[in-house]
Amino acid sequence: MTDASSLSALAAAAAIRDGELTSEQLVSDCLAAIDAREDTLHAWAHLDPDQALAEARSRDTEPSRGPLHGVPVGVKDLIDTADLPTRYGSSIHADHQPEVSAVAVTRLHRAGAVIIGKTVTTEFAVFTPGPTTHPLDPARTPGGSSSGSAAAVAAGTIPLALGTQTAGSVVRPASFCGIFGGKPTYGAIPTAGVKLCSTTLDHVGAFGRDAADVAVALGVMAEDPDRFRPTDLGDQPRIGFCRTPWWDELEPATRSLLEAAATSLARIADVVEVELPPEFAGLVSAQEIIMGVEVSRSLAWERQLHGDQLSDQLRTYLDAGESLAERYDDATALAERCRAQLPAVFAATPALLAPSVLGEPPPIATTGDPLLCRAWTLLGTPTVSVPGLTGPSGLPVGAQVIAAPDDDGTALTAAALIAPALAAVTSPPPSGSTTP
């Protein structure tokens, strides 16, 4: 095996288990791939190659610890690691070295994973971009806030990486970068050891090259692999196509791609139109209010004592968040009412196919708009970004699959089913071009 860095996580774990590959070789190949791309990609906040290789050699001398034995994983620099610095994307915490790893990281270690390094996050996982560029076009954003994790996996440098999502920070970068990204049911994975933006919105998620990799990583971090195992959707699965109340916000080419995806999917599934209840239209505003208020609270210490080290964009956001406090209770009440309506939404179908991004990745000065992810994050549903669609400029445009809360296995199974149908869709020509 000449270069193992392109293997999926489960393929790499199987090769290590069968003696066809060592963890040391795999980590070495990944480090070489990182080195080849990092001058342009800027996906890593901290790397310690010697430590990663030492850990890999240790794995090669041990009995298998679990399903990710010997597999390198990147960890978003919002998530504490006891043996690597954790800076939360801010100079305020430049010297921060946690004493204890986050629960999710500890569980990955127990399953045999090798933590290869810390990936770039936006400033405190909010909206100020970090240095990471898109793997296919350095002038474009990979999305945020889990920018480094998504870009590192999409660039083929590591098989797995961790992210977090408060608005759209797993699904959006996965969609922009053309990989799978999974956000589980709210609360399925403990957030202990994560620098929280929002106590009621934050999720730990994972990026991978296929849905099975993401499922295993989520199962390990949840300490509940059964929750994420494939489910039986039947010979003619029933999938809902949900344009959502925000359909008109999508770029025209993206709307065309998603409609073509639904047509393609209809060759292997029973595709039904699903319209969300009227109250769901208010969920985006509700999520913005809840997130604004809770982020302003969670970063109160940094703002009060180190406000001069915050970006202008973040200071403005925190000021606005404070002003939303009187609307917080109404926003949470709407969320509760809409959660109560989810059984009716999923009564006719176990999973929905819906838009996840407005279009192709925008310029690098922004991380993109999380509009289409906000409602599902607020509702706490399992959501998986599915790659396969390509926009007019040749860049990825993901879609997302949503299932009912606690139906994580269904979301991942449907994502794996839908991905080939998306890949079969022909991208539209660039705007202004003519078809011969």
Protein backbone atom coordinates (compact mmCIF):
# COMPACT_ATOMS: atom_id res chain seq x y z
CA MET A 1 0.00 0.00 0.00
CA THR A 2 1.87 3.08 -1.25
CA ASP A 3 -0.32 5.89 0.16
CA ALA A 4 -2.94 5.14 2.75
CA SER A 5 -4.11 8.72 3.34
CA SER A 6 -6.93 8.37 0.81
CA LEU A 7 -8.55 5.40 2.59
CA SER A 8 -11.85 5.79 4.36
CA ALA A 9 -11.73 5.41 8.13
CA LEU A 10 -13.31 1.96 8.13
CA ALA A 11 -11.17 0.73 5.23
CA ALA A 12 -8.07 1.91 7.07
CA ALA A 13 -9.19 0.28 10.32
CA ALA A 14 -9.83 -2.99 8.47
CA ALA A 15 -6.40 -2.88 6.81
CA ILE A 16 -4.75 -2.31 10.19
CA ARG A 17 -6.76 -5.11 11.76
CA ASP A 18 -5.83 -7.50 8.91
CA GLY A 19 -2.13 -6.66 9.09
CA GLU A 20 -2.07 -5.03 5.66
CA LEU A 21 -1.27 -1.60 7.10
CA THR A 22 0.18 -0.19 10.29
CA SER A 23 -1.17 2.80 12.13
CA GLU A 24 2.29 4.33 11.91
CA GLN A 25 2.28 4.10 8.12
CA LEU A 26 -1.24 5.52 7.93
CA VAL A 27 -0.45 8.45 10.21
CA SER A 28 2.83 9.07 8.36
CA ASP A 29 1.01 9.14 5.01
CA CYS A 30 -1.60 11.52 6.41
CA LEU A 31 1.07 13.82 7.79
CA ALA A 32 2.74 13.85 4.36
CA ALA A 33 -0.57 14.68 2.72
CA ILE A 34 -1.14 17.47 5.24
CA ASP A 35 2.31 18.88 4.58
CA ALA A 36 1.70 18.88 0.84
CA ARG A 37 -1.52 20.94 1.16
CA GLU A 38 -1.13 23.04 4.29
CA ASP A 39 0.64 26.05 2.76
CA THR A 40 -2.55 26.78 0.83
CA LEU A 41 -5.23 24.96 2.84
CA HIS A 42 -4.42 26.30 6.35
CA ALA A 43 -6.64 23.67 7.96
CA TRP A 44 -4.62 23.05 11.12
CA ALA A 45 -4.38 25.08 14.31
CA HIS A 46 -1.87 22.70 15.90
CA LEU A 47 0.05 19.64 14.76
CA ASP A 48 2.57 17.57 16.69
CA PRO A 49 3.82 14.95 14.20
CA ASP A 50 6.18 13.31 16.67
CA GLN A 51 3.41 12.83 19.22
CA ALA A 52 0.98 11.51 16.60
CA LEU A 53 3.52 9.01 15.28
CA ALA A 54 4.40 7.88 18.80
CA GLU A 55 0.73 7.30 19.51
CA ALA A 56 0.37 5.37 16.24
CA ARG A 57 3.33 3.14 17.10
CA SER A 58 1.71 2.46 20.44
CA ARG A 59 -1.47 1.36 18.67
CA ASP A 60 0.57 -1.04 16.55
CA THR A 61 1.77 -2.84 19.69
CA GLU A 62 -1.66 -3.08 21.36
CA PRO A 63 -4.65 -5.36 20.89
CA SER A 64 -7.47 -3.63 19.06
CA ARG A 65 -9.26 -1.15 21.27
CA GLY A 66 -12.27 -0.71 19.03
CA PRO A 67 -13.61 0.15 15.57
CA LEU A 68 -11.24 3.09 14.98
CA HIS A 69 -8.06 1.42 16.19
CA GLY A 70 -5.07 3.17 14.65
CA VAL A 71 -7.14 5.64 12.61
CA PRO A 72 -6.09 9.33 12.70
CA VAL A 73 -8.75 11.88 13.60
CA GLY A 74 -8.62 15.66 13.50
CA VAL A 75 -10.29 17.52 16.37
CA LYS A 76 -11.85 20.96 16.00
CA ASP A 77 -9.99 23.50 18.11
CA LEU A 78 -13.13 24.18 20.11
CA ILE A 79 -12.92 20.75 21.73
CA ASP A 80 -10.54 20.17 24.65
CA THR A 81 -7.58 17.83 24.30
CA ALA A 82 -5.37 17.07 27.28
CA ASP A 83 -2.25 16.46 25.19
CA LEU A 84 -2.67 19.27 22.64
CA PRO A 85 -3.39 23.00 23.06
CA THR A 86 -6.98 24.18 22.64
CA ARG A 87 -7.32 27.83 21.69
CA TYR A 88 -10.95 28.17 20.56
CA GLY A 89 -9.90 30.20 17.53
CA SER A 90 -8.88 33.19 19.67
CA SER A 91 -5.67 34.80 20.88
CA ILE A 92 -7.34 35.16 24.29
CA HIS A 93 -6.68 31.46 24.88
CA ALA A 94 -3.36 31.23 23.02
CA ASP A 95 -1.67 29.50 25.97
CA HIS A 96 -4.58 27.28 27.00
CA GLN A 97 -3.70 23.65 27.67
CA PRO A 98 -6.65 21.68 29.05
CA GLU A 99 -6.00 19.25 31.86
CA VAL A 100 -8.71 16.85 30.68
CA SER A 101 -9.94 15.94 27.20
CA ALA A 102 -13.55 16.38 26.18
CA VAL A 103 -15.75 13.33 26.69
CA ALA A 104 -16.02 12.84 22.91
CA VAL A 105 -12.22 12.82 22.54
CA THR A 106 -11.76 10.46 25.47
CA ARG A 107 -14.18 8.00 23.90
CA LEU A 108 -12.36 8.18 20.56
CA HIS A 109 -9.10 7.36 22.36
CA ARG A 110 -10.77 4.37 23.99
CA ALA A 111 -11.87 3.17 20.55
CA GLY A 112 -8.25 3.28 19.35
CA ALA A 113 -8.26 6.53 17.37
CA VAL A 114 -5.08 8.58 17.04
CA ILE A 115 -5.67 12.30 17.58
CA ILE A 116 -3.44 13.71 14.85
CA GLY A 117 -3.98 17.41 15.55
CA LYS A 118 -6.34 20.33 16.12
CA THR A 119 -8.21 21.79 13.16
CA VAL A 120 -8.98 25.46 12.61
CA THR A 121 -12.23 26.90 13.91
CA THR A 122 -13.63 30.35 13.40
CA GLU A 123 -13.31 32.70 16.36
CA PHE A 124 -15.16 30.92 19.20
CA ALA A 125 -17.04 29.00 16.50
CA VAL A 126 -19.06 32.04 15.52
CA PHE A 127 -18.86 33.84 12.16
CA THR A 128 -15.44 35.52 11.88
CA PRO A 129 -13.55 33.41 9.30
CA GLY A 130 -10.31 31.64 10.12
CA PRO A 131 -7.48 31.18 7.59
CA THR A 132 -8.72 27.90 6.07
CA THR A 133 -9.41 27.88 2.33
CA HIS A 134 -11.61 25.67 0.19
CA PRO A 135 -9.77 22.52 -1.04
CA LEU A 136 -10.86 23.10 -4.65
CA ASP A 137 -10.61 26.90 -4.81
CA PRO A 138 -8.52 28.86 -2.29
CA ALA A 139 -10.49 32.02 -3.08
CA ARG A 140 -13.64 30.41 -1.63
CA THR A 141 -14.68 29.53 1.91
CA PRO A 142 -14.85 25.93 3.12
CA GLY A 143 -17.66 27.08 5.40
CA GLY A 144 -17.61 27.53 9.13
CA SER A 145 -17.22 27.19 11.93
CA SER A 146 -15.74 23.71 11.52
CA SER A 147 -13.71 24.94 8.56
CA GLY A 148 -10.45 23.12 9.20
CA SER A 149 -12.09 19.76 9.85
CA ALA A 150 -14.19 19.83 6.69
CA ALA A 151 -11.34 21.05 4.49
CA ALA A 152 -8.86 18.51 5.89
CA VAL A 153 -11.15 15.58 5.14
CA ALA A 154 -12.22 16.92 1.73
CA ALA A 155 -8.60 17.52 0.73
CA GLY A 156 -7.84 13.84 1.31
CA THR A 157 -5.41 14.45 4.16
CA ILE A 158 -7.27 12.60 6.96
CA PRO A 159 -10.21 10.18 6.97
CA LEU A 160 -12.16 11.61 9.92
CA ALA A 161 -12.53 14.88 11.80
CA LEU A 162 -14.74 16.34 14.50
CA GLY A 163 -16.88 19.45 14.27
CA THR A 164 -19.54 21.20 16.28
CA GLN A 165 -22.80 22.78 15.16
CA THR A 166 -24.73 25.64 16.73
CA ALA A 167 -26.39 26.92 13.54
CA GLY A 168 -24.95 25.04 10.55
CA SER A 169 -21.30 24.41 11.36
CA VAL A 170 -21.18 20.71 10.44
CA VAL A 171 -23.71 20.51 7.64
CA ARG A 172 -22.73 23.74 5.87
CA PRO A 173 -18.95 23.10 5.55
CA ALA A 174 -19.58 19.46 4.63
CA SER A 175 -21.95 20.65 1.90
CA PHE A 176 -19.50 23.24 0.60
CA CYS A 177 -16.59 20.77 0.65
CA GLY A 178 -18.41 17.78 -0.88
CA ILE A 179 -18.16 15.27 1.98
CA PHE A 180 -20.46 13.62 4.51
CA GLY A 181 -21.08 15.52 7.72
CA GLY A 182 -23.29 14.20 10.49
CA LYS A 183 -25.01 16.13 13.29
CA PRO A 184 -26.74 13.68 15.64
CA THR A 185 -29.88 14.12 17.69
CA TYR A 186 -29.38 16.87 20.24
CA GLY A 187 -27.81 15.46 23.40
CA ALA A 188 -26.72 12.15 21.86
CA ILE A 189 -23.05 13.11 22.27
CA PRO A 190 -22.00 14.87 25.48
CA THR A 191 -20.63 18.39 25.04
CA ALA A 192 -18.57 18.26 28.25
CA GLY A 193 -15.15 19.64 27.36
CA VAL A 194 -16.44 21.69 24.42
CA LYS A 195 -16.25 25.49 24.60
CA LEU A 196 -19.98 26.04 24.35
CA CYS A 197 -21.55 28.71 22.22
CA SER A 198 -25.07 27.76 23.21
CA THR A 199 -26.22 25.44 25.96
CA THR A 200 -29.38 24.49 24.07
CA LEU A 201 -28.10 24.36 20.48
CA ASP A 202 -24.57 22.93 20.44
CA HIS A 203 -24.00 19.49 18.93
CA VAL A 204 -20.79 17.50 18.40
CA GLY A 205 -20.61 16.02 14.89
CA ALA A 206 -18.23 14.32 12.50
CA PHE A 207 -16.93 14.57 8.93
CA GLY A 208 -16.00 11.59 6.79
CA ARG A 209 -15.66 10.28 3.25
CA ASP A 210 -18.71 8.07 3.50
CA ALA A 211 -21.76 7.76 5.69
CA ALA A 212 -20.51 4.60 7.39
CA ASP A 213 -17.39 6.38 8.66
CA VAL A 214 -19.51 9.15 10.13
CA ALA A 215 -21.89 6.63 11.71
CA VAL A 216 -19.08 4.78 13.47
CA ALA A 217 -17.46 7.98 14.74
CA LEU A 218 -20.76 9.27 16.09
CA GLY A 219 -21.52 5.90 17.68
CA VAL A 220 -18.16 5.88 19.44
CA MET A 221 -18.59 9.42 20.77
CA ALA A 222 -22.15 8.71 21.92
CA GLU A 223 -21.07 5.38 23.44
CA ASP A 224 -24.14 4.00 21.69
CA PRO A 225 -23.24 2.40 18.35
CA ASP A 226 -26.68 0.85 17.94
CA ARG A 227 -28.24 4.30 17.64
CA PHE A 228 -26.26 4.91 14.43
CA ARG A 229 -26.44 1.49 12.79
CA PRO A 230 -28.14 1.12 9.38
CA THR A 231 -31.91 0.74 9.47
CA ASP A 232 -34.15 -1.17 7.08
CA LEU A 233 -35.87 1.32 4.78
CA GLY A 234 -37.41 -1.41 2.64
CA ASP A 235 -37.03 -2.34 -1.01
CA GLN A 236 -38.79 0.85 -2.16
CA PRO A 237 -37.92 3.38 0.54
CA ARG A 238 -40.18 6.36 0.99
CA ILE A 239 -38.22 9.64 1.07
CA GLY A 240 -39.75 13.08 1.51
CA PHE A 241 -38.62 15.95 -0.68
CA CYS A 242 -38.93 19.10 1.42
CA ARG A 243 -38.30 22.45 -0.22
CA THR A 244 -38.74 24.17 3.20
CA PRO A 245 -40.16 27.68 3.72
CA TRP A 246 -36.82 29.18 2.61
CA TRP A 247 -36.83 27.72 -0.91
CA ASP A 248 -36.96 31.10 -2.63
CA GLU A 249 -33.71 32.13 -0.90
CA LEU A 250 -31.75 29.48 -2.83
CA GLU A 251 -29.82 30.40 -5.95
CA PRO A 252 -31.80 29.35 -9.06
CA ALA A 253 -29.15 26.81 -10.04
CA THR A 254 -29.37 25.19 -6.62
CA ARG A 255 -33.13 24.89 -6.83
CA SER A 256 -32.73 23.20 -10.22
CA LEU A 257 -30.11 20.82 -8.85
CA LEU A 258 -32.29 19.76 -5.93
CA GLU A 259 -35.32 19.19 -8.12
CA ALA A 260 -33.15 17.11 -10.45
CA ALA A 261 -31.89 15.21 -7.41
CA ALA A 262 -35.45 14.38 -6.37
CA THR A 263 -36.15 13.13 -9.90
CA SER A 264 -32.99 11.02 -9.86
CA LEU A 265 -33.87 9.62 -6.44
CA ALA A 266 -37.32 8.64 -7.69
CA ARG A 267 -35.67 5.88 -9.76
CA ILE A 268 -34.87 3.95 -6.57
CA ALA A 269 -37.26 5.39 -3.99
CA ASP A 270 -40.82 6.55 -3.57
CA VAL A 271 -40.32 10.32 -3.38
CA VAL A 272 -43.16 12.30 -1.83
CA GLU A 273 -43.50 16.05 -1.42
CA VAL A 274 -43.51 17.14 2.23
CA GLU A 275 -44.58 20.62 3.28
CA LEU A 276 -43.68 21.80 6.76
CA PRO A 277 -46.33 23.19 9.12
CA PRO A 278 -46.81 26.96 8.88
CA GLU A 279 -45.24 27.67 12.28
CA PHE A 280 -41.91 26.24 11.07
CA ALA A 281 -41.34 29.39 9.01
CA GLY A 282 -40.51 31.21 12.25
CA LEU A 283 -37.82 28.78 13.35
CA VAL A 284 -34.94 30.59 11.65
CA SER A 285 -35.67 33.79 13.53
CA ALA A 286 -36.16 31.82 16.74
CA GLN A 287 -32.80 30.08 16.35
CA GLU A 288 -31.07 33.40 15.67
CA ILE A 289 -32.56 34.87 18.85
CA ILE A 290 -31.68 31.88 21.04
CA MET A 291 -28.18 31.63 19.62
CA GLY A 292 -27.53 35.36 19.93
CA VAL A 293 -28.62 35.47 23.56
CA GLU A 294 -26.78 32.31 24.59
CA VAL A 295 -23.53 33.18 22.79
CA SER A 296 -23.52 36.59 24.46
CA ARG A 297 -23.84 34.81 27.81
CA SER A 298 -21.25 32.12 27.11
CA LEU A 299 -18.61 34.65 26.03
CA ALA A 300 -19.33 37.19 28.77
CA TRP A 301 -15.96 36.58 30.46
CA GLU A 302 -13.98 37.05 27.26
CA ARG A 303 -15.98 40.12 26.35
CA GLN A 304 -15.62 41.78 29.74
CA LEU A 305 -11.93 41.09 30.38
CA HIS A 306 -10.49 40.72 26.87
CA GLY A 307 -12.86 42.64 24.63
CA ASP A 308 -9.98 44.26 22.78
CA GLN A 309 -8.90 40.83 21.55
CA LEU A 310 -12.27 40.05 20.00
CA SER A 311 -12.89 40.82 16.35
CA ASP A 312 -15.13 43.77 15.53
CA GLN A 313 -17.58 41.32 13.96
CA LEU A 314 -17.85 39.25 17.12
CA ARG A 315 -18.19 42.28 19.40
CA THR A 316 -21.05 43.55 17.23
CA TYR A 317 -22.67 40.11 17.33
CA LEU A 318 -22.43 39.94 21.13
CA ASP A 319 -23.93 43.40 21.51
CA ALA A 320 -26.83 42.40 19.28
CA GLY A 321 -27.30 39.15 21.21
CA GLU A 322 -27.75 41.01 24.49
CA SER A 323 -30.48 43.11 22.95
CA LEU A 324 -32.50 40.00 22.05
CA ALA A 325 -33.00 38.78 25.61
CA GLU A 326 -36.63 39.93 25.91
CA ARG A 327 -37.55 37.79 22.86
CA TYR A 328 -35.83 34.64 24.16
CA ASP A 329 -38.80 33.05 25.92
CA ASP A 330 -41.07 33.43 22.89
CA ALA A 331 -38.39 31.87 20.66
CA THR A 332 -37.99 28.84 22.94
CA ALA A 333 -41.76 28.44 23.15
CA LEU A 334 -42.02 28.34 19.35
CA ALA A 335 -39.28 25.71 19.21
CA GLU A 336 -41.18 23.55 21.68
CA ARG A 337 -44.41 23.84 19.69
CA CYS A 338 -42.63 22.86 16.49
CA ARG A 339 -40.87 19.91 18.12
CA ALA A 340 -44.30 18.66 19.14
CA GLN A 341 -45.30 18.66 15.46
CA LEU A 342 -42.34 16.56 14.28
CA PRO A 343 -44.20 13.21 14.54
CA ALA A 344 -46.72 14.55 12.02
CA VAL A 345 -43.92 15.76 9.72
CA PHE A 346 -42.38 12.28 9.64
CA ALA A 347 -45.66 10.35 9.60
CA ALA A 348 -45.54 9.78 5.84
CA THR A 349 -41.78 9.24 5.46
CA PRO A 350 -38.85 8.30 7.71
CA ALA A 351 -36.48 10.87 6.18
CA LEU A 352 -36.51 14.17 4.34
CA LEU A 353 -34.24 15.39 1.55
CA ALA A 354 -33.87 19.18 1.85
CA PRO A 355 -31.50 21.96 0.77
CA SER A 356 -28.54 22.65 3.04
CA VAL A 357 -26.79 25.62 1.39
CA LEU A 358 -27.95 28.46 -0.84
CA GLY A 359 -25.42 27.68 -3.56
CA GLU A 360 -21.74 27.01 -4.16
CA PRO A 361 -19.17 28.20 -1.60
CA PRO A 362 -18.99 32.01 -1.51
CA PRO A 363 -15.76 34.06 -1.36
CA ILE A 364 -13.45 33.46 1.56
CA ALA A 365 -14.36 36.72 3.33
CA THR A 366 -17.44 34.95 4.69
CA THR A 367 -18.24 31.46 5.97
CA GLY A 368 -21.56 31.28 4.10
CA ASP A 369 -25.12 31.57 5.30
CA PRO A 370 -26.40 28.89 7.73
CA LEU A 371 -30.01 29.81 6.93
CA LEU A 372 -31.08 26.33 5.79
CA CYS A 373 -29.57 24.55 8.81
CA ARG A 374 -30.85 26.75 11.62
CA ALA A 375 -34.32 25.23 11.99
CA TRP A 376 -33.10 21.63 12.15
CA THR A 377 -30.41 22.52 14.68
CA LEU A 378 -33.00 24.22 16.86
CA LEU A 379 -35.31 21.21 16.59
CA GLY A 380 -32.45 18.85 17.48
CA THR A 381 -33.10 16.42 14.64
CA PRO A 382 -30.36 14.15 13.26
CA THR A 383 -29.10 15.73 10.07
CA VAL A 384 -26.56 14.49 7.52
CA SER A 385 -24.97 16.49 4.73
CA VAL A 386 -24.88 14.39 1.56
CA PRO A 387 -22.37 15.13 -1.23
CA GLY A 388 -22.83 14.57 -4.94
CA LEU A 389 -24.32 17.72 -6.43
CA THR A 390 -22.07 20.13 -8.32
CA GLY A 391 -22.87 23.75 -9.09
CA PRO A 392 -22.28 25.74 -12.29
CA SER A 393 -18.68 26.60 -11.28
CA GLY A 394 -17.83 22.94 -10.64
CA LEU A 395 -17.88 23.26 -6.85
CA PRO A 396 -19.89 21.11 -4.42
CA VAL A 397 -23.45 21.91 -3.43
CA GLY A 398 -24.55 19.48 -0.76
CA ALA A 399 -28.04 18.56 0.35
CA GLN A 400 -29.15 17.41 3.78
CA VAL A 401 -31.12 14.44 5.04
CA ILE A 402 -33.20 14.89 8.16
CA ALA A 403 -34.90 12.26 10.32
CA ALA A 404 -36.98 12.41 13.48
CA PRO A 405 -35.19 12.89 16.82
CA ASP A 406 -33.46 9.71 18.02
CA ASP A 407 -33.75 8.21 14.53
CA ASP A 408 -30.07 8.77 13.77
CA GLY A 409 -29.59 5.43 12.02
CA THR A 410 -32.37 6.29 9.58
CA ALA A 411 -30.79 9.64 8.69
CA LEU A 412 -27.43 7.99 7.99
CA THR A 413 -28.97 5.08 6.06
CA ALA A 414 -31.00 7.46 3.92
CA ALA A 415 -27.90 9.61 3.32
CA ALA A 416 -25.98 6.59 2.00
CA LEU A 417 -28.95 5.67 -0.20
CA ILE A 418 -29.39 9.18 -1.59
CA ALA A 419 -25.73 9.96 -2.33
CA PRO A 420 -25.52 7.98 -5.63
CA ALA A 421 -28.72 9.65 -6.85
CA LEU A 422 -27.21 13.07 -6.20
CA ALA A 423 -23.96 12.11 -7.94
CA ALA A 424 -25.94 11.11 -11.03
CA VAL A 425 -27.30 14.64 -11.48
CA THR A 426 -25.62 16.68 -14.21
CA SER A 427 -24.52 20.11 -13.07
CA PRO A 428 -26.02 23.12 -14.83
CA PRO A 429 -23.85 25.21 -17.16
CA PRO A 430 -22.28 28.40 -15.77
CA SER A 431 -24.52 31.45 -15.77
CA GLY A 432 -24.46 33.20 -19.13
CA SER A 433 -23.14 30.21 -21.05
CA THR A 434 -24.97 28.72 -24.01
CA THR A 435 -25.66 25.06 -24.63
CA PRO A 436 -24.55 23.87 -28.10
